[in-house]
Amino acid sequence: MKSTCCLLITILLLHRSIGNTDCSLDSIVDERINEALQDLEFNPPRLKISCTSVTSSGRLASCPVGNVVTGCACGYACGSWDIRGETTCHCQCSVVDWAAARCCRVTQQG
């Protein structure tokens, strides 16, 4: 009985250690992919975002060339505005004394 228990424990331990070997197809493929990726050079461009605010009297505020509007604000607590052509803020209230645009551009650093 003792020898049967010892044999059974030995078989279970061997089976467990054999099952943990890292020779599966998935692990081989993962290893090959990692080797191939190490040979690649990946240098993404470095980007810089620059933003400025433009304020003007009236209902329109336009961004400088090369910039796009990212947000608008209007005088007299007017919360109704839209963006025209990606570069101009338009305040929609009937009475507005000023309009402001937040303008941003993305450039690539040398």
PDB file of N, CA and C in Angstrom:
ATOM      1  N   MET A   1       0.821  -1.192   0.000  1.00  0.00           N
ATOM      2  CA  MET A   1       0.000   0.000   0.000  1.00  0.00           C
ATOM      3  C   MET A   1       0.867   1.258   0.000  1.00  0.00           C
ATOM      4  N   LYS A   2       1.955   1.211   0.825  1.00  0.00           N
ATOM      5  CA  LYS A   2       2.850   2.359   0.874  1.00  0.00           C
ATOM      6  C   LYS A   2       3.529   2.576  -0.465  1.00  0.00           C
ATOM      7  N   SER A   3       3.949   1.517  -1.078  1.00  0.00           N
ATOM      8  CA  SER A   3       4.635   1.659  -2.359  1.00  0.00           C
ATOM      9  C   SER A   3       3.678   2.176  -3.428  1.00  0.00           C
ATOM     10  N   THR A   4       2.420   1.792  -3.374  1.00  0.00           N
ATOM     11  CA  THR A   4       1.429   2.284  -4.335  1.00  0.00           C
ATOM     12  C   THR A   4       1.211   3.780  -4.148  1.00  0.00           C
ATOM     13  N   CYS A   5       1.123   4.234  -2.911  1.00  0.00           N
ATOM     14  CA  CYS A   5       0.947   5.668  -2.634  1.00  0.00           C
ATOM     15  C   CYS A   5       2.162   6.455  -3.092  1.00  0.00           C
ATOM     16  N   CYS A   6       3.352   5.933  -2.817  1.00  0.00           N
ATOM     17  CA  CYS A   6       4.572   6.627  -3.237  1.00  0.00           C
ATOM     18  C   CYS A   6       4.659   6.693  -4.750  1.00  0.00           C
ATOM     19  N   LEU A   7       4.295   5.600  -5.426  1.00  0.00           N
ATOM     20  CA  LEU A   7       4.315   5.577  -6.884  1.00  0.00           C
ATOM     21  C   LEU A   7       3.306   6.571  -7.449  1.00  0.00           C
ATOM     22  N   LEU A   8       2.132   6.625  -6.853  1.00  0.00           N
ATOM     23  CA  LEU A   8       1.089   7.554  -7.306  1.00  0.00           C
ATOM     24  C   LEU A   8       1.530   9.006  -7.118  1.00  0.00           C
ATOM     25  N   ILE A   9       2.132   9.316  -5.996  1.00  0.00           N
ATOM     26  CA  ILE A   9       2.624  10.679  -5.741  1.00  0.00           C
ATOM     27  C   ILE A   9       3.730  11.026  -6.728  1.00  0.00           C
ATOM     28  N   THR A  10       4.626  10.091  -6.995  1.00  0.00           N
ATOM     29  CA  THR A  10       5.712  10.324  -7.950  1.00  0.00           C
ATOM     30  C   THR A  10       5.154  10.591  -9.342  1.00  0.00           C
ATOM     31  N   ILE A  11       4.187   9.799  -9.762  1.00  0.00           N
ATOM     32  CA  ILE A  11       3.579   9.993 -11.088  1.00  0.00           C
ATOM     33  C   ILE A  11       2.900  11.352 -11.171  1.00  0.00           C
ATOM     34  N   LEU A  12       2.177  11.739 -10.134  1.00  0.00           N
ATOM     35  CA  LEU A  12       1.504  13.045 -10.127  1.00  0.00           C
ATOM     36  C   LEU A  12       2.512  14.188 -10.191  1.00  0.00           C
ATOM     37  N   LEU A  13       3.592  14.082  -9.445  1.00  0.00           N
ATOM     38  CA  LEU A  13       4.611  15.128  -9.467  1.00  0.00           C
ATOM     39  C   LEU A  13       5.291  15.211 -10.827  1.00  0.00           C
ATOM     40  N   LEU A  14       5.588  14.066 -11.430  1.00  0.00           N
ATOM     41  CA  LEU A  14       6.201  14.067 -12.758  1.00  0.00           C
ATOM     42  C   LEU A  14       5.249  14.662 -13.797  1.00  0.00           C
ATOM     43  N   HIS A  15       3.999  14.280 -13.702  1.00  0.00           N
ATOM     44  CA  HIS A  15       3.008  14.802 -14.653  1.00  0.00           C
ATOM     45  C   HIS A  15       2.874  16.320 -14.517  1.00  0.00           C
ATOM     46  N   ARG A  16       2.893  16.781 -13.286  1.00  0.00           N
ATOM     47  CA  ARG A  16       2.774  18.227 -13.057  1.00  0.00           C
ATOM     48  C   ARG A  16       3.995  18.976 -13.597  1.00  0.00           C
ATOM     49  N   SER A  17       5.189  18.427 -13.375  1.00  0.00           N
ATOM     50  CA  SER A  17       6.392  19.109 -13.858  1.00  0.00           C
ATOM     51  C   SER A  17       6.481  19.058 -15.378  1.00  0.00           C
ATOM     52  N   ILE A  18       6.036  17.980 -15.993  1.00  0.00           N
ATOM     53  CA  ILE A  18       6.035  17.889 -17.453  1.00  0.00           C
ATOM     54  C   ILE A  18       5.014  18.858 -18.032  1.00  0.00           C
ATOM     55  N   GLY A  19       3.876  19.021 -17.368  1.00  0.00           N
ATOM     56  CA  GLY A  19       2.841  19.940 -17.846  1.00  0.00           C
ATOM     57  C   GLY A  19       3.274  21.395 -17.789  1.00  0.00           C
ATOM     58  N   ASN A  20       4.263  21.724 -16.979  1.00  0.00           N
ATOM     59  CA  ASN A  20       4.709  23.108 -16.842  1.00  0.00           C
ATOM     60  C   ASN A  20       5.832  23.473 -17.800  1.00  0.00           C
ATOM     61  N   THR A  21       6.267  22.553 -18.643  1.00  0.00           N
ATOM     62  CA  THR A  21       7.332  22.906 -19.577  1.00  0.00           C
ATOM     63  C   THR A  21       6.827  23.952 -20.544  1.00  0.00           C
ATOM     64  N   ASP A  22       7.716  24.828 -20.937  1.00  0.00           N
ATOM     65  CA  ASP A  22       7.346  25.972 -21.770  1.00  0.00           C
ATOM     66  C   ASP A  22       7.713  25.705 -23.230  1.00  0.00           C
ATOM     67  N   CYS A  23       7.195  24.603 -23.773  1.00  0.00           N
ATOM     68  CA  CYS A  23       7.511  24.238 -25.154  1.00  0.00           C
ATOM     69  C   CYS A  23       6.257  24.215 -26.018  1.00  0.00           C
ATOM     70  N   SER A  24       5.253  24.933 -25.629  1.00  0.00           N
ATOM     71  CA  SER A  24       4.029  24.939 -26.423  1.00  0.00           C
ATOM     72  C   SER A  24       4.232  25.773 -27.680  1.00  0.00           C
ATOM     73  N   LEU A  25       3.370  25.565 -28.650  1.00  0.00           N
ATOM     74  CA  LEU A  25       3.441  26.313 -29.903  1.00  0.00           C
ATOM     75  C   LEU A  25       3.270  27.805 -29.643  1.00  0.00           C
ATOM     76  N   ASP A  26       2.372  28.160 -28.717  1.00  0.00           N
ATOM     77  CA  ASP A  26       2.159  29.576 -28.396  1.00  0.00           C
ATOM     78  C   ASP A  26       3.430  30.228 -27.863  1.00  0.00           C
ATOM     79  N   SER A  27       4.124  29.554 -26.979  1.00  0.00           N
ATOM     80  CA  SER A  27       5.336  30.154 -26.411  1.00  0.00           C
ATOM     81  C   SER A  27       6.433  30.283 -27.463  1.00  0.00           C
ATOM     82  N   ILE A  28       6.520  29.326 -28.375  1.00  0.00           N
ATOM     83  CA  ILE A  28       7.522  29.414 -29.445  1.00  0.00           C
ATOM     84  C   ILE A  28       7.207  30.577 -30.372  1.00  0.00           C
ATOM     85  N   VAL A  29       5.930  30.723 -30.738  1.00  0.00           N
ATOM     86  CA  VAL A  29       5.520  31.835 -31.602  1.00  0.00           C
ATOM     87  C   VAL A  29       5.770  33.167 -30.903  1.00  0.00           C
ATOM     88  N   ASP A  30       5.416  33.263 -29.617  1.00  0.00           N
ATOM     89  CA  ASP A  30       5.664  34.496 -28.861  1.00  0.00           C
ATOM     90  C   ASP A  30       7.152  34.839 -28.839  1.00  0.00           C
ATOM     91  N   GLU A  31       7.983  33.841 -28.657  1.00  0.00           N
ATOM     92  CA  GLU A  31       9.427  34.075 -28.627  1.00  0.00           C
ATOM     93  C   GLU A  31       9.926  34.589 -29.978  1.00  0.00           C
ATOM     94  N   ARG A  32       9.444  34.000 -31.051  1.00  0.00           N
ATOM     95  CA  ARG A  32       9.862  34.441 -32.389  1.00  0.00           C
ATOM     96  C   ARG A  32       9.380  35.864 -32.675  1.00  0.00           C
ATOM     97  N   ILE A  33       8.172  36.183 -32.272  1.00  0.00           N
ATOM     98  CA  ILE A  33       7.645  37.544 -32.470  1.00  0.00           C
ATOM     99  C   ILE A  33       8.487  38.548 -31.698  1.00  0.00           C
ATOM    100  N   ASN A  34       8.798  38.242 -30.453  1.00  0.00           N
ATOM    101  CA  ASN A  34       9.623  39.151 -29.648  1.00  0.00           C
ATOM    102  C   ASN A  34      11.006  39.345 -30.260  1.00  0.00           C
ATOM    103  N   GLU A  35      11.593  38.282 -30.806  1.00  0.00           N
ATOM    104  CA  GLU A  35      12.894  38.411 -31.469  1.00  0.00           C
ATOM    105  C   GLU A  35      12.791  39.326 -32.687  1.00  0.00           C
ATOM    106  N   ALA A  36      11.723  39.161 -33.464  1.00  0.00           N
ATOM    107  CA  ALA A  36      11.548  39.999 -34.658  1.00  0.00           C
ATOM    108  C   ALA A  36      11.311  41.452 -34.279  1.00  0.00           C
ATOM    109  N   LEU A  37      10.560  41.688 -33.218  1.00  0.00           N
ATOM    110  CA  LEU A  37      10.280  43.060 -32.791  1.00  0.00           C
ATOM    111  C   LEU A  37      11.532  43.758 -32.270  1.00  0.00           C
ATOM    112  N   GLN A  38      12.423  43.015 -31.661  1.00  0.00           N
ATOM    113  CA  GLN A  38      13.650  43.624 -31.155  1.00  0.00           C
ATOM    114  C   GLN A  38      14.533  44.125 -32.289  1.00  0.00           C
ATOM    115  N   ASP A  39      14.409  43.511 -33.462  1.00  0.00           N
ATOM    116  CA  ASP A  39      15.210  43.936 -34.608  1.00  0.00           C
ATOM    117  C   ASP A  39      14.659  45.191 -35.271  1.00  0.00           C
ATOM    118  N   LEU A  40      13.408  45.530 -35.002  1.00  0.00           N
ATOM    119  CA  LEU A  40      12.801  46.713 -35.611  1.00  0.00           C
ATOM    120  C   LEU A  40      13.156  47.962 -34.822  1.00  0.00           C
ATOM    121  N   GLU A  41      13.330  49.062 -35.523  1.00  0.00           N
ATOM    122  CA  GLU A  41      13.531  50.346 -34.859  1.00  0.00           C
ATOM    123  C   GLU A  41      12.258  51.149 -35.028  1.00  0.00           C
ATOM    124  N   PHE A  42      11.664  51.547 -33.932  1.00  0.00           N
ATOM    125  CA  PHE A  42      10.436  52.329 -33.981  1.00  0.00           C
ATOM    126  C   PHE A  42      10.699  53.674 -33.333  1.00  0.00           C
ATOM    127  N   ASN A  43      10.776  54.700 -34.141  1.00  0.00           N
ATOM    128  CA  ASN A  43      11.006  56.054 -33.656  1.00  0.00           C
ATOM    129  C   ASN A  43       9.849  56.939 -34.104  1.00  0.00           C
ATOM    130  N   PRO A  44       8.783  56.984 -33.311  1.00  0.00           N
ATOM    131  CA  PRO A  44       7.654  57.822 -33.708  1.00  0.00           C
ATOM    132  C   PRO A  44       8.053  59.297 -33.687  1.00  0.00           C
ATOM    133  N   PRO A  45       7.414  60.103 -34.522  1.00  0.00           N
ATOM    134  CA  PRO A  45       7.745  61.530 -34.524  1.00  0.00           C
ATOM    135  C   PRO A  45       7.355  62.165 -33.193  1.00  0.00           C
ATOM    136  N   ARG A  46       8.152  63.105 -32.752  1.00  0.00           N
ATOM    137  CA  ARG A  46       7.850  63.827 -31.514  1.00  0.00           C
ATOM    138  C   ARG A  46       6.961  64.999 -31.884  1.00  0.00           C
ATOM    139  N   LEU A  47       5.800  65.048 -31.280  1.00  0.00           N
ATOM    140  CA  LEU A  47       4.827  66.081 -31.593  1.00  0.00           C
ATOM    141  C   LEU A  47       4.741  67.086 -30.457  1.00  0.00           C
ATOM    142  N   LYS A  48       4.432  68.317 -30.818  1.00  0.00           N
ATOM    143  CA  LYS A  48       4.287  69.390 -29.840  1.00  0.00           C
ATOM    144  C   LYS A  48       2.972  70.100 -30.121  1.00  0.00           C
ATOM    145  N   ILE A  49       2.199  70.351 -29.078  1.00  0.00           N
ATOM    146  CA  ILE A  49       0.958  71.098 -29.234  1.00  0.00           C
ATOM    147  C   ILE A  49       1.169  72.494 -28.658  1.00  0.00           C
ATOM    148  N   SER A  50       0.765  73.493 -29.419  1.00  0.00           N
ATOM    149  CA  SER A  50       0.883  74.887 -28.992  1.00  0.00           C
ATOM    150  C   SER A  50      -0.499  75.513 -29.064  1.00  0.00           C
ATOM    151  N   CYS A  51      -0.889  76.192 -28.002  1.00  0.00           N
ATOM    152  CA  CYS A  51      -2.212  76.809 -27.959  1.00  0.00           C
ATOM    153  C   CYS A  51      -2.105  78.284 -27.593  1.00  0.00           C
ATOM    154  N   THR A  52      -3.067  79.053 -28.069  1.00  0.00           N
ATOM    155  CA  THR A  52      -3.142  80.475 -27.771  1.00  0.00           C
ATOM    156  C   THR A  52      -4.605  80.885 -27.756  1.00  0.00           C
ATOM    157  N   SER A  53      -4.899  81.981 -27.086  1.00  0.00           N
ATOM    158  CA  SER A  53      -6.265  82.506 -27.060  1.00  0.00           C
ATOM    159  C   SER A  53      -6.349  83.762 -27.906  1.00  0.00           C
ATOM    160  N   VAL A  54      -7.445  83.892 -28.636  1.00  0.00           N
ATOM    161  CA  VAL A  54      -7.696  85.060 -29.474  1.00  0.00           C
ATOM    162  C   VAL A  54      -9.020  85.659 -29.031  1.00  0.00           C
ATOM    163  N   THR A  55      -9.015  86.949 -28.719  1.00  0.00           N
ATOM    164  CA  THR A  55     -10.237  87.648 -28.313  1.00  0.00           C
ATOM    165  C   THR A  55     -10.473  88.810 -29.259  1.00  0.00           C
ATOM    166  N   SER A  56     -11.732  88.998 -29.639  1.00  0.00           N
ATOM    167  CA  SER A  56     -12.063  90.129 -30.511  1.00  0.00           C
ATOM    168  C   SER A  56     -13.439  90.664 -30.141  1.00  0.00           C
ATOM    169  N   SER A  57     -13.703  91.905 -30.493  1.00  0.00           N
ATOM    170  CA  SER A  57     -15.020  92.479 -30.226  1.00  0.00           C
ATOM    171  C   SER A  57     -15.996  91.956 -31.275  1.00  0.00           C
ATOM    172  N   GLY A  58     -17.237  91.843 -30.870  1.00  0.00           N
ATOM    173  CA  GLY A  58     -18.250  91.335 -31.792  1.00  0.00           C
ATOM    174  C   GLY A  58     -18.542  89.869 -31.553  1.00  0.00           C
ATOM    175  N   ARG A  59     -19.093  89.222 -32.560  1.00  0.00           N
ATOM    176  CA  ARG A  59     -19.570  87.850 -32.424  1.00  0.00           C
ATOM    177  C   ARG A  59     -18.620  86.801 -32.984  1.00  0.00           C
ATOM    178  N   LEU A  60     -17.530  87.208 -33.632  1.00  0.00           N
ATOM    179  CA  LEU A  60     -16.615  86.256 -34.258  1.00  0.00           C
ATOM    180  C   LEU A  60     -15.197  86.403 -33.714  1.00  0.00           C
ATOM    181  N   ALA A  61     -14.532  85.285 -33.512  1.00  0.00           N
ATOM    182  CA  ALA A  61     -13.108  85.267 -33.150  1.00  0.00           C
ATOM    183  C   ALA A  61     -12.445  84.206 -34.019  1.00  0.00           C
ATOM    184  N   SER A  62     -11.431  84.609 -34.776  1.00  0.00           N
ATOM    185  CA  SER A  62     -10.781  83.692 -35.721  1.00  0.00           C
ATOM    186  C   SER A  62      -9.369  83.348 -35.277  1.00  0.00           C
ATOM    187  N   CYS A  63      -8.993  82.104 -35.508  1.00  0.00           N
ATOM    188  CA  CYS A  63      -7.650  81.624 -35.168  1.00  0.00           C
ATOM    189  C   CYS A  63      -6.662  82.004 -36.261  1.00  0.00           C
ATOM    190  N   PRO A  64      -5.381  82.125 -35.888  1.00  0.00           N
ATOM    191  CA  PRO A  64      -4.343  82.369 -36.891  1.00  0.00           C
ATOM    192  C   PRO A  64      -4.248  81.183 -37.866  1.00  0.00           C
ATOM    193  N   VAL A  65      -3.654  81.424 -39.003  1.00  0.00           N
ATOM    194  CA  VAL A  65      -3.495  80.380 -40.015  1.00  0.00           C
ATOM    195  C   VAL A  65      -2.719  79.199 -39.431  1.00  0.00           C
ATOM    196  N   GLY A  66      -3.177  77.994 -39.704  1.00  0.00           N
ATOM    197  CA  GLY A  66      -2.514  76.786 -39.220  1.00  0.00           C
ATOM    198  C   GLY A  66      -3.025  76.292 -37.884  1.00  0.00           C
ATOM    199  N   ASN A  67      -3.918  77.052 -37.245  1.00  0.00           N
ATOM    200  CA  ASN A  67      -4.494  76.671 -35.960  1.00  0.00           C
ATOM    201  C   ASN A  67      -5.942  76.253 -36.161  1.00  0.00           C
ATOM    202  N   VAL A  68      -6.457  75.465 -35.224  1.00  0.00           N
ATOM    203  CA  VAL A  68      -7.868  75.093 -35.223  1.00  0.00           C
ATOM    204  C   VAL A  68      -8.473  75.470 -33.878  1.00  0.00           C
ATOM    205  N   VAL A  69      -9.773  75.714 -33.889  1.00  0.00           N
ATOM    206  CA  VAL A  69     -10.487  76.081 -32.659  1.00  0.00           C
ATOM    207  C   VAL A  69     -10.674  74.836 -31.801  1.00  0.00           C
ATOM    208  N   THR A  70     -10.353  74.966 -30.513  1.00  0.00           N
ATOM    209  CA  THR A  70     -10.615  73.881 -29.569  1.00  0.00           C
ATOM    210  C   THR A  70     -11.659  74.268 -28.534  1.00  0.00           C
ATOM    211  N   GLY A  71     -12.025  75.549 -28.484  1.00  0.00           N
ATOM    212  CA  GLY A  71     -13.055  76.007 -27.564  1.00  0.00           C
ATOM    213  C   GLY A  71     -13.379  77.462 -27.797  1.00  0.00           C
ATOM    214  N   CYS A  72     -14.571  77.879 -27.356  1.00  0.00           N
ATOM    215  CA  CYS A  72     -15.024  79.259 -27.549  1.00  0.00           C
ATOM    216  C   CYS A  72     -15.615  79.801 -26.253  1.00  0.00           C
ATOM    217  N   ALA A  73     -15.657  81.126 -26.161  1.00  0.00           N
ATOM    218  CA  ALA A  73     -16.328  81.818 -25.057  1.00  0.00           C
ATOM    219  C   ALA A  73     -16.913  83.098 -25.613  1.00  0.00           C
ATOM    220  N   CYS A  74     -18.027  83.537 -25.001  1.00  0.00           N
ATOM    221  CA  CYS A  74     -18.720  84.728 -25.497  1.00  0.00           C
ATOM    222  C   CYS A  74     -19.069  85.648 -24.335  1.00  0.00           C
ATOM    223  N   GLY A  75     -19.114  86.950 -24.631  1.00  0.00           N
ATOM    224  CA  GLY A  75     -19.466  87.940 -23.620  1.00  0.00           C
ATOM    225  C   GLY A  75     -20.952  87.939 -23.302  1.00  0.00           C
ATOM    226  N   TYR A  76     -21.308  88.681 -22.246  1.00  0.00           N
ATOM    227  CA  TYR A  76     -22.677  88.777 -21.736  1.00  0.00           C
ATOM    228  C   TYR A  76     -23.246  87.406 -21.384  1.00  0.00           C
ATOM    229  N   ALA A  77     -22.398  86.525 -20.899  1.00  0.00           N
ATOM    230  CA  ALA A  77     -22.798  85.187 -20.448  1.00  0.00           C
ATOM    231  C   ALA A  77     -23.526  84.392 -21.520  1.00  0.00           C
ATOM    232  N   CYS A  78     -23.170  84.619 -22.748  1.00  0.00           N
ATOM    233  CA  CYS A  78     -23.764  83.860 -23.852  1.00  0.00           C
ATOM    234  C   CYS A  78     -23.094  82.491 -23.911  1.00  0.00           C
ATOM    235  N   GLY A  79     -23.853  81.456 -23.747  1.00  0.00           N
ATOM    236  CA  GLY A  79     -23.303  80.103 -23.782  1.00  0.00           C
ATOM    237  C   GLY A  79     -23.608  79.373 -25.072  1.00  0.00           C
ATOM    238  N   SER A  80     -24.117  80.090 -26.037  1.00  0.00           N
ATOM    239  CA  SER A  80     -24.492  79.461 -27.300  1.00  0.00           C
ATOM    240  C   SER A  80     -23.523  79.896 -28.395  1.00  0.00           C
ATOM    241  N   TRP A  81     -22.730  78.961 -28.873  1.00  0.00           N
ATOM    242  CA  TRP A  81     -21.744  79.271 -29.903  1.00  0.00           C
ATOM    243  C   TRP A  81     -21.537  78.056 -30.790  1.00  0.00           C
ATOM    244  N   ASP A  82     -20.935  78.282 -31.940  1.00  0.00           N
ATOM    245  CA  ASP A  82     -20.568  77.190 -32.832  1.00  0.00           C
ATOM    246  C   ASP A  82     -19.231  77.513 -33.482  1.00  0.00           C
ATOM    247  N   ILE A  83     -18.654  76.507 -34.088  1.00  0.00           N
ATOM    248  CA  ILE A  83     -17.364  76.666 -34.765  1.00  0.00           C
ATOM    249  C   ILE A  83     -17.610  76.600 -36.264  1.00  0.00           C
ATOM    250  N   ARG A  84     -17.088  77.580 -36.959  1.00  0.00           N
ATOM    251  CA  ARG A  84     -17.259  77.652 -38.409  1.00  0.00           C
ATOM    252  C   ARG A  84     -15.932  77.352 -39.099  1.00  0.00           C
ATOM    253  N   GLY A  85     -15.959  76.379 -39.965  1.00  0.00           N
ATOM    254  CA  GLY A  85     -14.775  76.061 -40.760  1.00  0.00           C
ATOM    255  C   GLY A  85     -13.548  75.678 -39.961  1.00  0.00           C
ATOM    256  N   GLU A  86     -13.706  75.182 -38.765  1.00  0.00           N
ATOM    257  CA  GLU A  86     -12.621  74.738 -37.875  1.00  0.00           C
ATOM    258  C   GLU A  86     -11.719  75.857 -37.377  1.00  0.00           C
ATOM    259  N   THR A  87     -11.941  77.106 -37.819  1.00  0.00           N
ATOM    260  CA  THR A  87     -11.013  78.175 -37.436  1.00  0.00           C
ATOM    261  C   THR A  87     -11.687  79.391 -36.814  1.00  0.00           C
ATOM    262  N   THR A  88     -13.010  79.432 -36.758  1.00  0.00           N
ATOM    263  CA  THR A  88     -13.694  80.636 -36.278  1.00  0.00           C
ATOM    264  C   THR A  88     -14.778  80.280 -35.271  1.00  0.00           C
ATOM    265  N   CYS A  89     -14.777  81.002 -34.141  1.00  0.00           N
ATOM    266  CA  CYS A  89     -15.854  80.884 -33.163  1.00  0.00           C
ATOM    267  C   CYS A  89     -16.936  81.899 -33.501  1.00  0.00           C
ATOM    268  N   HIS A  90     -18.175  81.445 -33.456  1.00  0.00           N
ATOM    269  CA  HIS A  90     -19.317  82.311 -33.742  1.00  0.00           C
ATOM    270  C   HIS A  90     -20.259  82.277 -32.542  1.00  0.00           C
ATOM    271  N   CYS A  91     -20.426  83.418 -31.887  1.00  0.00           N
ATOM    272  CA  CYS A  91     -21.353  83.515 -30.760  1.00  0.00           C
ATOM    273  C   CYS A  91     -22.760  83.738 -31.310  1.00  0.00           C
ATOM    274  N   GLN A  92     -23.725  82.933 -30.862  1.00  0.00           N
ATOM    275  CA  GLN A  92     -25.055  82.931 -31.455  1.00  0.00           C
ATOM    276  C   GLN A  92     -26.067  83.833 -30.755  1.00  0.00           C
ATOM    277  N   CYS A  93     -25.721  84.399 -29.615  1.00  0.00           N
ATOM    278  CA  CYS A  93     -26.674  85.263 -28.911  1.00  0.00           C
ATOM    279  C   CYS A  93     -26.833  86.587 -29.655  1.00  0.00           C
ATOM    280  N   SER A  94     -27.998  87.219 -29.470  1.00  0.00           N
ATOM    281  CA  SER A  94     -28.267  88.458 -30.209  1.00  0.00           C
ATOM    282  C   SER A  94     -27.407  89.616 -29.716  1.00  0.00           C
ATOM    283  N   VAL A  95     -27.092  89.645 -28.417  1.00  0.00           N
ATOM    284  CA  VAL A  95     -26.259  90.723 -27.883  1.00  0.00           C
ATOM    285  C   VAL A  95     -24.990  90.106 -27.301  1.00  0.00           C
ATOM    286  N   VAL A  96     -23.870  90.389 -27.944  1.00  0.00           N
ATOM    287  CA  VAL A  96     -22.568  89.883 -27.500  1.00  0.00           C
ATOM    288  C   VAL A  96     -21.553  90.990 -27.727  1.00  0.00           C
ATOM    289  N   ASP A  97     -20.741  91.295 -26.698  1.00  0.00           N
ATOM    290  CA  ASP A  97     -19.751  92.361 -26.877  1.00  0.00           C
ATOM    291  C   ASP A  97     -18.362  91.830 -27.237  1.00  0.00           C
ATOM    292  N   TRP A  98     -18.090  90.549 -26.965  1.00  0.00           N
ATOM    293  CA  TRP A  98     -16.795  89.985 -27.325  1.00  0.00           C
ATOM    294  C   TRP A  98     -16.929  88.481 -27.586  1.00  0.00           C
ATOM    295  N   ALA A  99     -15.958  87.968 -28.303  1.00  0.00           N
ATOM    296  CA  ALA A  99     -15.877  86.526 -28.566  1.00  0.00           C
ATOM    297  C   ALA A  99     -14.421  86.108 -28.391  1.00  0.00           C
ATOM    298  N   ALA A 100     -14.226  84.911 -27.892  1.00  0.00           N
ATOM    299  CA  ALA A 100     -12.867  84.395 -27.703  1.00  0.00           C
ATOM    300  C   ALA A 100     -12.777  82.981 -28.263  1.00  0.00           C
ATOM    301  N   ALA A 101     -11.628  82.678 -28.809  1.00  0.00           N
ATOM    302  CA  ALA A 101     -11.371  81.338 -29.344  1.00  0.00           C
ATOM    303  C   ALA A 101     -10.077  80.807 -28.750  1.00  0.00           C
ATOM    304  N   ARG A 102     -10.089  79.557 -28.370  1.00  0.00           N
ATOM    305  CA  ARG A 102      -8.854  78.876 -27.962  1.00  0.00           C
ATOM    306  C   ARG A 102      -8.368  78.135 -29.198  1.00  0.00           C
ATOM    307  N   CYS A 103      -7.167  78.488 -29.650  1.00  0.00           N
ATOM    308  CA  CYS A 103      -6.637  77.984 -30.915  1.00  0.00           C
ATOM    309  C   CYS A 103      -5.396  77.133 -30.655  1.00  0.00           C
ATOM    310  N   CYS A 104      -5.332  75.962 -31.278  1.00  0.00           N
ATOM    311  CA  CYS A 104      -4.191  75.069 -31.089  1.00  0.00           C
ATOM    312  C   CYS A 104      -3.697  74.537 -32.425  1.00  0.00           C
ATOM    313  N   ARG A 105      -2.409  74.181 -32.434  1.00  0.00           N
ATOM    314  CA  ARG A 105      -1.810  73.542 -33.606  1.00  0.00           C
ATOM    315  C   ARG A 105      -0.828  72.488 -33.124  1.00  0.00           C
ATOM    316  N   VAL A 106      -0.678  71.447 -33.919  1.00  0.00           N
ATOM    317  CA  VAL A 106       0.263  70.374 -33.614  1.00  0.00           C
ATOM    318  C   VAL A 106       1.402  70.460 -34.618  1.00  0.00           C
ATOM    319  N   THR A 107       2.630  70.478 -34.107  1.00  0.00           N
ATOM    320  CA  THR A 107       3.804  70.530 -34.978  1.00  0.00           C
ATOM    321  C   THR A 107       4.742  69.382 -34.624  1.00  0.00           C
ATOM    322  N   GLN A 108       5.557  69.003 -35.567  1.00  0.00           N
ATOM    323  CA  GLN A 108       6.534  67.946 -35.351  1.00  0.00           C
ATOM    324  C   GLN A 108       7.850  68.567 -34.922  1.00  0.00           C
ATOM    325  N   GLN A 109       8.395  68.055 -33.814  1.00  0.00           N
ATOM    326  CA  GLN A 109       9.675  68.565 -33.328  1.00  0.00           C
ATOM    327  C   GLN A 109      10.804  67.920 -34.112  1.00  0.00           C
ATOM    328  N   GLY A 110      11.787  68.745 -34.455  1.00  0.00           N
ATOM    329  CA  GLY A 110      12.915  68.326 -35.273  1.00  0.00           C
ATOM    330  C   GLY A 110      13.632  67.168 -34.761  1.00  0.00           C
TER     331      GLY A 110
END
